[in-house]
PDB file of all heavy atoms in Angstrom:
ATOM      1  N   ILE A   1     -37.059  18.829 -90.915  1.00  0.00           N
ATOM      2  CA  ILE A   1     -35.924  19.798 -90.770  1.00  0.00           C
ATOM      3  C   ILE A   1     -34.612  18.881 -91.068  1.00  0.00           C
ATOM      4  O   ILE A   1     -34.256  17.972 -90.364  1.00  0.00           O
ATOM      5  CB  ILE A   1     -35.867  20.322 -89.315  1.00  0.00           C
ATOM      6  CG1 ILE A   1     -37.058  21.187 -89.026  1.00  0.00           C
ATOM      7  CG2 ILE A   1     -34.612  21.183 -89.105  1.00  0.00           C
ATOM      8  CD1 ILE A   1     -38.268  20.576 -88.562  1.00  0.00           C
ATOM      9  N   ALA A   2     -33.744  19.421 -92.075  1.00  0.00           N
ATOM     10  CA  ALA A   2     -32.504  18.678 -92.352  1.00  0.00           C
ATOM     11  C   ALA A   2     -31.340  19.485 -91.790  1.00  0.00           C
ATOM     12  O   ALA A   2     -31.321  20.625 -91.633  1.00  0.00           O
ATOM     13  CB  ALA A   2     -32.515  18.678 -93.931  1.00  0.00           C
ATOM     14  N   SER A   3     -30.387  18.595 -91.503  1.00  0.00           N
ATOM     15  CA  SER A   3     -29.083  19.119 -91.229  1.00  0.00           C
ATOM     16  C   SER A   3     -28.327  19.692 -92.429  1.00  0.00           C
ATOM     17  O   SER A   3     -28.736  19.567 -93.490  1.00  0.00           O
ATOM     18  CB  SER A   3     -28.146  17.986 -90.582  1.00  0.00           C
ATOM     19  OG  SER A   3     -27.813  17.161 -91.716  1.00  0.00           O
ATOM     20  N   PRO A   4     -27.071  20.452 -92.176  1.00  0.00           N
ATOM     21  CA  PRO A   4     -26.494  21.005 -93.266  1.00  0.00           C
ATOM     22  C   PRO A   4     -26.058  19.883 -94.294  1.00  0.00           C
ATOM     23  O   PRO A   4     -25.714  20.267 -95.387  1.00  0.00           O
ATOM     24  CB  PRO A   4     -25.195  21.637 -92.659  1.00  0.00           C
ATOM     25  CG  PRO A   4     -25.688  21.924 -91.151  1.00  0.00           C
ATOM     26  CD  PRO A   4     -26.624  20.886 -90.909  1.00  0.00           C
ATOM     27  N   THR A   5     -26.069  18.632 -93.942  1.00  0.00           N
ATOM     28  CA  THR A   5     -25.729  17.533 -94.794  1.00  0.00           C
ATOM     29  C   THR A   5     -26.907  16.907 -95.433  1.00  0.00           C
ATOM     30  O   THR A   5     -26.836  15.765 -96.004  1.00  0.00           O
ATOM     31  CB  THR A   5     -24.815  16.534 -94.129  1.00  0.00           C
ATOM     32  OG1 THR A   5     -25.593  15.968 -92.974  1.00  0.00           O
ATOM     33  CG2 THR A   5     -23.581  17.005 -93.597  1.00  0.00           C
ATOM     34  N   GLU A   6     -28.106  17.621 -95.286  1.00  0.00           N
ATOM     35  CA  GLU A   6     -29.268  17.163 -95.848  1.00  0.00           C
ATOM     36  C   GLU A   6     -30.033  15.860 -95.232  1.00  0.00           C
ATOM     37  O   GLU A   6     -30.737  15.165 -95.866  1.00  0.00           O
ATOM     38  CB  GLU A   6     -29.197  16.951 -97.343  1.00  0.00           C
ATOM     39  CG  GLU A   6     -28.787  18.243 -98.211  1.00  0.00           C
ATOM     40  CD  GLU A   6     -29.740  19.396 -98.019  1.00  0.00           C
ATOM     41  OE1 GLU A   6     -31.034  19.062 -98.042  1.00  0.00           O
ATOM     42  OE2 GLU A   6     -29.397  20.477 -97.775  1.00  0.00           O
ATOM     43  N   ARG A   7     -29.379  15.631 -93.996  1.00  0.00           N
ATOM     44  CA  ARG A   7     -30.032  14.489 -93.240  1.00  0.00           C
ATOM     45  C   ARG A   7     -31.141  14.934 -92.375  1.00  0.00           C
ATOM     46  O   ARG A   7     -30.991  15.945 -91.641  1.00  0.00           O
ATOM     47  CB  ARG A   7     -28.919  13.879 -92.382  1.00  0.00           C
ATOM     48  CG  ARG A   7     -29.381  12.780 -91.440  1.00  0.00           C
ATOM     49  CD  ARG A   7     -28.222  12.186 -90.669  1.00  0.00           C
ATOM     50  NE  ARG A   7     -27.487  13.090 -89.973  1.00  0.00           N
ATOM     51  CZ  ARG A   7     -27.779  13.399 -88.657  1.00  0.00           C
ATOM     52  NH1 ARG A   7     -28.752  12.769 -88.046  1.00  0.00           N
ATOM     53  NH2 ARG A   7     -27.050  14.257 -87.912  1.00  0.00           N
ATOM     54  N   THR A   8     -32.313  14.296 -92.463  1.00  0.00           N
ATOM     55  CA  THR A   8     -33.500  14.772 -91.603  1.00  0.00           C
ATOM     56  C   THR A   8     -33.112  14.520 -90.200  1.00  0.00           C
ATOM     57  O   THR A   8     -32.810  13.330 -89.786  1.00  0.00           O
ATOM     58  CB  THR A   8     -34.718  13.981 -92.107  1.00  0.00           C
ATOM     59  OG1 THR A   8     -35.027  14.311 -93.561  1.00  0.00           O
ATOM     60  CG2 THR A   8     -35.984  14.485 -91.212  1.00  0.00           C
ATOM     61  N   VAL A   9     -33.216  15.499 -89.318  1.00  0.00           N
ATOM     62  CA  VAL A   9     -32.957  15.435 -87.927  1.00  0.00           C
ATOM     63  C   VAL A   9     -34.085  15.572 -87.012  1.00  0.00           C
ATOM     64  O   VAL A   9     -34.041  15.364 -85.919  1.00  0.00           O
ATOM     65  CB  VAL A   9     -31.829  16.295 -87.488  1.00  0.00           C
ATOM     66  CG1 VAL A   9     -30.483  15.821 -88.221  1.00  0.00           C
ATOM     67  CG2 VAL A   9     -32.116  17.677 -87.843  1.00  0.00           C
ATOM     68  N   HIS A  10     -35.226  16.170 -87.647  1.00  0.00           N
ATOM     69  CA  HIS A  10     -36.383  16.544 -86.834  1.00  0.00           C
ATOM     70  C   HIS A  10     -37.538  16.726 -87.714  1.00  0.00           C
ATOM     71  O   HIS A  10     -37.419  17.092 -88.872  1.00  0.00           O
ATOM     72  CB  HIS A  10     -36.090  17.732 -86.044  1.00  0.00           C
ATOM     73  CG  HIS A  10     -37.143  18.259 -85.137  1.00  0.00           C
ATOM     74  ND1 HIS A  10     -37.757  17.428 -84.124  1.00  0.00           N
ATOM     75  CD2 HIS A  10     -37.839  19.379 -85.146  1.00  0.00           C
ATOM     76  CE1 HIS A  10     -38.757  18.133 -83.542  1.00  0.00           C
ATOM     77  NE2 HIS A  10     -38.825  19.270 -84.099  1.00  0.00           N
ATOM     78  N   GLN A  11     -38.705  16.514 -87.085  1.00  0.00           N
ATOM     79  CA  GLN A  11     -39.946  16.667 -87.819  1.00  0.00           C
ATOM     80  C   GLN A  11     -40.712  17.626 -86.880  1.00  0.00           C
ATOM     81  O   GLN A  11     -41.002  17.297 -85.658  1.00  0.00           O
ATOM     82  CB  GLN A  11     -40.743  15.448 -88.062  1.00  0.00           C
ATOM     83  CG  GLN A  11     -41.902  15.614 -88.872  1.00  0.00           C
ATOM     84  CD  GLN A  11     -42.644  14.368 -89.217  1.00  0.00           C
ATOM     85  OE1 GLN A  11     -43.130  13.645 -88.452  1.00  0.00           O
ATOM     86  NE2 GLN A  11     -42.518  13.951 -90.568  1.00  0.00           N
ATOM     87  N   GLY A  12     -41.183  18.862 -87.417  1.00  0.00           N
ATOM     88  CA  GLY A  12     -41.946  19.719 -86.552  1.00  0.00           C
ATOM     89  C   GLY A  12     -43.203  19.139 -86.128  1.00  0.00           C
ATOM     90  O   GLY A  12     -43.787  18.286 -86.811  1.00  0.00           O
ATOM     91  N   ILE A  13     -43.788  19.694 -85.058  1.00  0.00           N
ATOM     92  CA  ILE A  13     -44.988  19.155 -84.431  1.00  0.00           C
ATOM     93  C   ILE A  13     -46.074  19.396 -85.418  1.00  0.00           C
ATOM     94  O   ILE A  13     -46.234  20.409 -86.192  1.00  0.00           O
ATOM     95  CB  ILE A  13     -45.275  20.011 -83.163  1.00  0.00           C
ATOM     96  CG1 ILE A  13     -44.360  19.474 -82.075  1.00  0.00           C
ATOM     97  CG2 ILE A  13     -46.731  19.795 -82.657  1.00  0.00           C
ATOM     98  CD1 ILE A  13     -44.475  20.180 -80.622  1.00  0.00           C
ATOM     99  N   PHE A  14     -47.174  18.551 -85.530  1.00  0.00           N
ATOM    100  CA  PHE A  14     -48.328  18.706 -86.245  1.00  0.00           C
ATOM    101  C   PHE A  14     -49.329  17.617 -85.802  1.00  0.00           C
ATOM    102  O   PHE A  14     -48.947  16.696 -85.022  1.00  0.00           O
ATOM    103  CB  PHE A  14     -48.121  18.487 -87.737  1.00  0.00           C
ATOM    104  CG  PHE A  14     -47.842  17.137 -88.232  1.00  0.00           C
ATOM    105  CD1 PHE A  14     -48.950  16.464 -88.971  1.00  0.00           C
ATOM    106  CD2 PHE A  14     -46.567  16.481 -88.152  1.00  0.00           C
ATOM    107  CE1 PHE A  14     -48.748  15.202 -89.405  1.00  0.00           C
ATOM    108  CE2 PHE A  14     -46.534  15.153 -88.599  1.00  0.00           C
ATOM    109  CZ  PHE A  14     -47.597  14.520 -89.121  1.00  0.00           C
ATOM    110  N   PRO A  15     -50.595  17.824 -85.969  1.00  0.00           N
ATOM    111  CA  PRO A  15     -51.386  18.847 -86.738  1.00  0.00           C
ATOM    112  C   PRO A  15     -51.313  20.236 -86.264  1.00  0.00           C
ATOM    113  O   PRO A  15     -50.754  20.403 -85.089  1.00  0.00           O
ATOM    114  CB  PRO A  15     -52.688  18.298 -86.940  1.00  0.00           C
ATOM    115  CG  PRO A  15     -52.887  17.612 -85.599  1.00  0.00           C
ATOM    116  CD  PRO A  15     -51.602  16.954 -85.242  1.00  0.00           C
ATOM    117  N   GLU A  16     -51.992  21.200 -86.838  1.00  0.00           N
ATOM    118  CA  GLU A  16     -51.941  22.591 -86.406  1.00  0.00           C
ATOM    119  C   GLU A  16     -52.468  22.695 -84.984  1.00  0.00           C
ATOM    120  O   GLU A  16     -51.963  23.628 -84.369  1.00  0.00           O
ATOM    121  CB  GLU A  16     -52.724  23.453 -87.513  1.00  0.00           C
ATOM    122  CG  GLU A  16     -52.459  25.012 -87.164  1.00  0.00           C
ATOM    123  CD  GLU A  16     -53.295  25.904 -87.933  1.00  0.00           C
ATOM    124  OE1 GLU A  16     -54.351  25.479 -88.557  1.00  0.00           O
ATOM    125  OE2 GLU A  16     -53.038  27.081 -87.903  1.00  0.00           O
ATOM    126  N   ALA A  17     -53.530  22.114 -84.629  1.00  0.00           N
ATOM    127  CA  ALA A  17     -54.138  22.304 -83.265  1.00  0.00           C
ATOM    128  C   ALA A  17     -53.025  22.003 -82.321  1.00  0.00           C
ATOM    129  O   ALA A  17     -53.070  22.667 -81.191  1.00  0.00           O
ATOM    130  CB  ALA A  17     -55.305  21.333 -83.110  1.00  0.00           C
ATOM    131  N   ARG A  18     -52.192  21.020 -82.510  1.00  0.00           N
ATOM    132  CA  ARG A  18     -51.057  20.749 -81.554  1.00  0.00           C
ATOM    133  C   ARG A  18     -50.126  21.786 -81.565  1.00  0.00           C
ATOM    134  O   ARG A  18     -49.480  22.116 -80.564  1.00  0.00           O
ATOM    135  CB  ARG A  18     -50.540  19.320 -81.799  1.00  0.00           C
ATOM    136  CG  ARG A  18     -49.674  18.854 -80.707  1.00  0.00           C
ATOM    137  CD  ARG A  18     -49.369  17.535 -80.615  1.00  0.00           C
ATOM    138  NE  ARG A  18     -48.209  17.223 -79.827  1.00  0.00           N
ATOM    139  CZ  ARG A  18     -46.984  16.683 -80.220  1.00  0.00           C
ATOM    140  NH1 ARG A  18     -46.879  16.421 -81.597  1.00  0.00           N
ATOM    141  NH2 ARG A  18     -46.114  16.514 -79.397  1.00  0.00           N
ATOM    142  N   ILE A  19     -49.750  22.327 -82.819  1.00  0.00           N
ATOM    143  CA  ILE A  19     -48.703  23.377 -82.988  1.00  0.00           C
ATOM    144  C   ILE A  19     -49.281  24.607 -82.027  1.00  0.00           C
ATOM    145  O   ILE A  19     -48.451  25.188 -81.237  1.00  0.00           O
ATOM    146  CB  ILE A  19     -48.623  23.911 -84.319  1.00  0.00           C
ATOM    147  CG1 ILE A  19     -47.999  22.738 -85.166  1.00  0.00           C
ATOM    148  CG2 ILE A  19     -47.806  25.089 -84.405  1.00  0.00           C
ATOM    149  CD1 ILE A  19     -47.960  23.093 -86.666  1.00  0.00           C
ATOM    150  N   ILE A  20     -50.459  24.973 -82.199  1.00  0.00           N
ATOM    151  CA  ILE A  20     -50.916  26.092 -81.442  1.00  0.00           C
ATOM    152  C   ILE A  20     -50.903  25.840 -79.963  1.00  0.00           C
ATOM    153  O   ILE A  20     -50.568  26.743 -79.057  1.00  0.00           O
ATOM    154  CB  ILE A  20     -52.429  26.423 -81.925  1.00  0.00           C
ATOM    155  CG1 ILE A  20     -52.417  26.836 -83.368  1.00  0.00           C
ATOM    156  CG2 ILE A  20     -53.100  27.508 -80.939  1.00  0.00           C
ATOM    157  CD1 ILE A  20     -53.919  26.955 -83.988  1.00  0.00           C
ATOM    158  N   GLU A  21     -51.361  24.619 -79.548  1.00  0.00           N
ATOM    159  CA  GLU A  21     -51.261  24.253 -78.144  1.00  0.00           C
ATOM    160  C   GLU A  21     -49.946  24.326 -77.534  1.00  0.00           C
ATOM    161  O   GLU A  21     -49.732  24.953 -76.414  1.00  0.00           O
ATOM    162  CB  GLU A  21     -51.924  22.856 -77.985  1.00  0.00           C
ATOM    163  CG  GLU A  21     -51.961  22.322 -76.511  1.00  0.00           C
ATOM    164  CD  GLU A  21     -52.351  20.920 -76.371  1.00  0.00           C
ATOM    165  OE1 GLU A  21     -52.656  20.248 -77.502  1.00  0.00           O
ATOM    166  OE2 GLU A  21     -52.324  20.449 -75.201  1.00  0.00           O
ATOM    167  N   GLU A  22     -48.969  23.811 -78.252  1.00  0.00           N
ATOM    168  CA  GLU A  22     -47.609  23.892 -77.653  1.00  0.00           C
ATOM    169  C   GLU A  22     -47.040  25.179 -77.775  1.00  0.00           C
ATOM    170  O   GLU A  22     -46.152  25.590 -76.860  1.00  0.00           O
ATOM    171  CB  GLU A  22     -46.705  22.814 -78.528  1.00  0.00           C
ATOM    172  CG  GLU A  22     -47.230  21.376 -78.520  1.00  0.00           C
ATOM    173  CD  GLU A  22     -47.286  20.891 -77.080  1.00  0.00           C
ATOM    174  OE1 GLU A  22     -46.227  20.413 -76.602  1.00  0.00           O
ATOM    175  OE2 GLU A  22     -48.332  20.895 -76.443  1.00  0.00           O
ATOM    176  N   MET A  23     -47.264  26.002 -78.730  1.00  0.00           N
ATOM    177  CA  MET A  23     -46.743  27.355 -78.872  1.00  0.00           C
ATOM    178  C   MET A  23     -47.252  28.243 -77.689  1.00  0.00           C
ATOM    179  O   MET A  23     -46.503  28.941 -77.104  1.00  0.00           O
ATOM    180  CB  MET A  23     -47.320  27.982 -80.289  1.00  0.00           C
ATOM    181  CG  MET A  23     -46.621  29.473 -80.437  1.00  0.00           C
ATOM    182  SD  MET A  23     -44.815  29.500 -80.368  1.00  0.00           S
ATOM    183  CE  MET A  23     -44.375  28.679 -81.917  1.00  0.00           C
ATOM    184  N   GLU A  24     -48.542  27.989 -77.328  1.00  0.00           N
ATOM    185  CA  GLU A  24     -49.132  28.703 -76.189  1.00  0.00           C
ATOM    186  C   GLU A  24     -48.351  28.345 -74.910  1.00  0.00           C
ATOM    187  O   GLU A  24     -48.082  29.310 -74.096  1.00  0.00           O
ATOM    188  CB  GLU A  24     -50.589  28.524 -76.090  1.00  0.00           C
ATOM    189  CG  GLU A  24     -51.425  29.015 -77.250  1.00  0.00           C
ATOM    190  CD  GLU A  24     -51.519  30.631 -77.230  1.00  0.00           C
ATOM    191  OE1 GLU A  24     -51.324  31.125 -76.220  1.00  0.00           O
ATOM    192  OE2 GLU A  24     -51.680  31.077 -78.336  1.00  0.00           O
ATOM    193  N   LYS A  25     -48.008  27.112 -74.849  1.00  0.00           N
ATOM    194  CA  LYS A  25     -47.237  26.724 -73.645  1.00  0.00           C
ATOM    195  C   LYS A  25     -45.892  27.319 -73.547  1.00  0.00           C
ATOM    196  O   LYS A  25     -45.332  27.829 -72.583  1.00  0.00           O
ATOM    197  CB  LYS A  25     -47.161  25.207 -73.549  1.00  0.00           C
ATOM    198  CG  LYS A  25     -48.469  24.347 -73.302  1.00  0.00           C
ATOM    199  CD  LYS A  25     -48.220  22.882 -73.453  1.00  0.00           C
ATOM    200  CE  LYS A  25     -49.425  22.105 -73.250  1.00  0.00           C
ATOM    201  NZ  LYS A  25     -49.134  20.564 -73.457  1.00  0.00           N
ATOM    202  N   ALA A  26     -45.203  27.395 -74.877  1.00  0.00           N
ATOM    203  CA  ALA A  26     -43.925  27.976 -74.910  1.00  0.00           C
ATOM    204  C   ALA A  26     -43.933  29.466 -74.519  1.00  0.00           C
ATOM    205  O   ALA A  26     -43.065  29.983 -73.896  1.00  0.00           O
ATOM    206  CB  ALA A  26     -43.321  27.696 -76.313  1.00  0.00           C
ATOM    207  N   LEU A  27     -45.033  30.136 -74.947  1.00  0.00           N
ATOM    208  CA  LEU A  27     -45.161  31.492 -74.693  1.00  0.00           C
ATOM    209  C   LEU A  27     -45.309  31.761 -73.192  1.00  0.00           C
ATOM    210  O   LEU A  27     -44.866  32.728 -72.647  1.00  0.00           O
ATOM    211  CB  LEU A  27     -46.311  32.179 -75.400  1.00  0.00           C
ATOM    212  CG  LEU A  27     -45.971  32.310 -76.940  1.00  0.00           C
ATOM    213  CD1 LEU A  27     -47.231  32.646 -77.785  1.00  0.00           C
ATOM    214  CD2 LEU A  27     -45.016  33.481 -77.159  1.00  0.00           C
ATOM    215  N   VAL A  28     -46.012  30.880 -72.525  1.00  0.00           N
ATOM    216  CA  VAL A  28     -46.197  31.006 -71.093  1.00  0.00           C
ATOM    217  C   VAL A  28     -44.804  30.970 -70.377  1.00  0.00           C
ATOM    218  O   VAL A  28     -44.579  31.734 -69.390  1.00  0.00           O
ATOM    219  CB  VAL A  28     -47.113  29.839 -70.560  1.00  0.00           C
ATOM    220  CG1 VAL A  28     -47.091  29.681 -68.975  1.00  0.00           C
ATOM    221  CG2 VAL A  28     -48.464  30.139 -70.943  1.00  0.00           C
ATOM    222  N   VAL A  29     -43.914  30.034 -70.897  1.00  0.00           N
ATOM    223  CA  VAL A  29     -42.624  29.994 -70.341  1.00  0.00           C
ATOM    224  C   VAL A  29     -41.817  31.211 -70.535  1.00  0.00           C
ATOM    225  O   VAL A  29     -41.118  31.764 -69.635  1.00  0.00           O
ATOM    226  CB  VAL A  29     -41.774  28.729 -70.930  1.00  0.00           C
ATOM    227  CG1 VAL A  29     -40.341  28.761 -70.464  1.00  0.00           C
ATOM    228  CG2 VAL A  29     -42.465  27.461 -70.538  1.00  0.00           C
ATOM    229  N   LEU A  30     -41.965  31.770 -71.707  1.00  0.00           N
ATOM    230  CA  LEU A  30     -41.185  33.050 -72.113  1.00  0.00           C
ATOM    231  C   LEU A  30     -41.557  34.252 -71.228  1.00  0.00           C
ATOM    232  O   LEU A  30     -40.686  34.963 -70.906  1.00  0.00           O
ATOM    233  CB  LEU A  30     -41.456  33.301 -73.570  1.00  0.00           C
ATOM    234  CG  LEU A  30     -40.810  34.660 -74.113  1.00  0.00           C
ATOM    235  CD1 LEU A  30     -39.392  34.459 -74.247  1.00  0.00           C
ATOM    236  CD2 LEU A  30     -41.363  34.900 -75.497  1.00  0.00           C
ATOM    237  N   HIS A  31     -42.751  34.215 -70.781  1.00  0.00           N
ATOM    238  CA  HIS A  31     -43.225  35.367 -69.851  1.00  0.00           C
ATOM    239  C   HIS A  31     -43.299  34.947 -68.333  1.00  0.00           C
ATOM    240  O   HIS A  31     -43.888  35.815 -67.588  1.00  0.00           O
ATOM    241  CB  HIS A  31     -44.613  35.797 -70.396  1.00  0.00           C
ATOM    242  CG  HIS A  31     -44.625  36.448 -71.770  1.00  0.00           C
ATOM    243  ND1 HIS A  31     -44.103  37.597 -72.020  1.00  0.00           N
ATOM    244  CD2 HIS A  31     -44.911  35.786 -72.991  1.00  0.00           C
ATOM    245  CE1 HIS A  31     -44.186  37.884 -73.367  1.00  0.00           C
ATOM    246  NE2 HIS A  31     -44.717  36.887 -73.914  1.00  0.00           N
ATOM    247  N   ASP A  32     -42.819  33.857 -67.989  1.00  0.00           N
ATOM    248  CA  ASP A  32     -42.943  33.384 -66.657  1.00  0.00           C
ATOM    249  C   ASP A  32     -41.775  34.174 -65.776  1.00  0.00           C
ATOM    250  O   ASP A  32     -40.592  33.744 -65.928  1.00  0.00           O
ATOM    251  CB  ASP A  32     -42.754  31.899 -66.600  1.00  0.00           C
ATOM    252  CG  ASP A  32     -42.991  31.298 -65.120  1.00  0.00           C
ATOM    253  OD1 ASP A  32     -43.045  32.203 -64.038  1.00  0.00           O
ATOM    254  OD2 ASP A  32     -43.057  30.238 -64.918  1.00  0.00           O
ATOM    255  N   GLU A  33     -42.141  35.058 -65.045  1.00  0.00           N
ATOM    256  CA  GLU A  33     -41.182  35.834 -64.412  1.00  0.00           C
ATOM    257  C   GLU A  33     -40.516  35.255 -63.156  1.00  0.00           C
ATOM    258  O   GLU A  33     -39.607  35.649 -62.466  1.00  0.00           O
ATOM    259  CB  GLU A  33     -41.748  37.286 -63.859  1.00  0.00           C
ATOM    260  CG  GLU A  33     -42.021  38.149 -65.095  1.00  0.00           C
ATOM    261  CD  GLU A  33     -42.429  39.480 -64.654  1.00  0.00           C
ATOM    262  OE1 GLU A  33     -42.711  39.791 -63.490  1.00  0.00           O
ATOM    263  OE2 GLU A  33     -42.730  40.404 -65.654  1.00  0.00           O
ATOM    264  N   LYS A  34     -41.055  33.968 -62.839  1.00  0.00           N
ATOM    265  CA  LYS A  34     -40.405  33.130 -61.823  1.00  0.00           C
ATOM    266  C   LYS A  34     -39.202  32.497 -62.317  1.00  0.00           C
ATOM    267  O   LYS A  34     -38.389  31.946 -61.378  1.00  0.00           O
ATOM    268  CB  LYS A  34     -41.393  32.102 -61.310  1.00  0.00           C
ATOM    269  CG  LYS A  34     -42.595  32.664 -60.628  1.00  0.00           C
ATOM    270  CD  LYS A  34     -43.585  31.654 -60.153  1.00  0.00           C
ATOM    271  CE  LYS A  34     -44.790  32.298 -59.588  1.00  0.00           C
ATOM    272  NZ  LYS A  34     -45.927  31.163 -59.297  1.00  0.00           N
TER     273      LYS A  34
END
């Protein structure tokens, strides 16, 4: 992921198994009514 000045500021999570695992965790947070 590059900034508006084309400087790399982040690299997305990988491999895919880890993407899925972390997305499931993020969705748990999104729906946590506490």
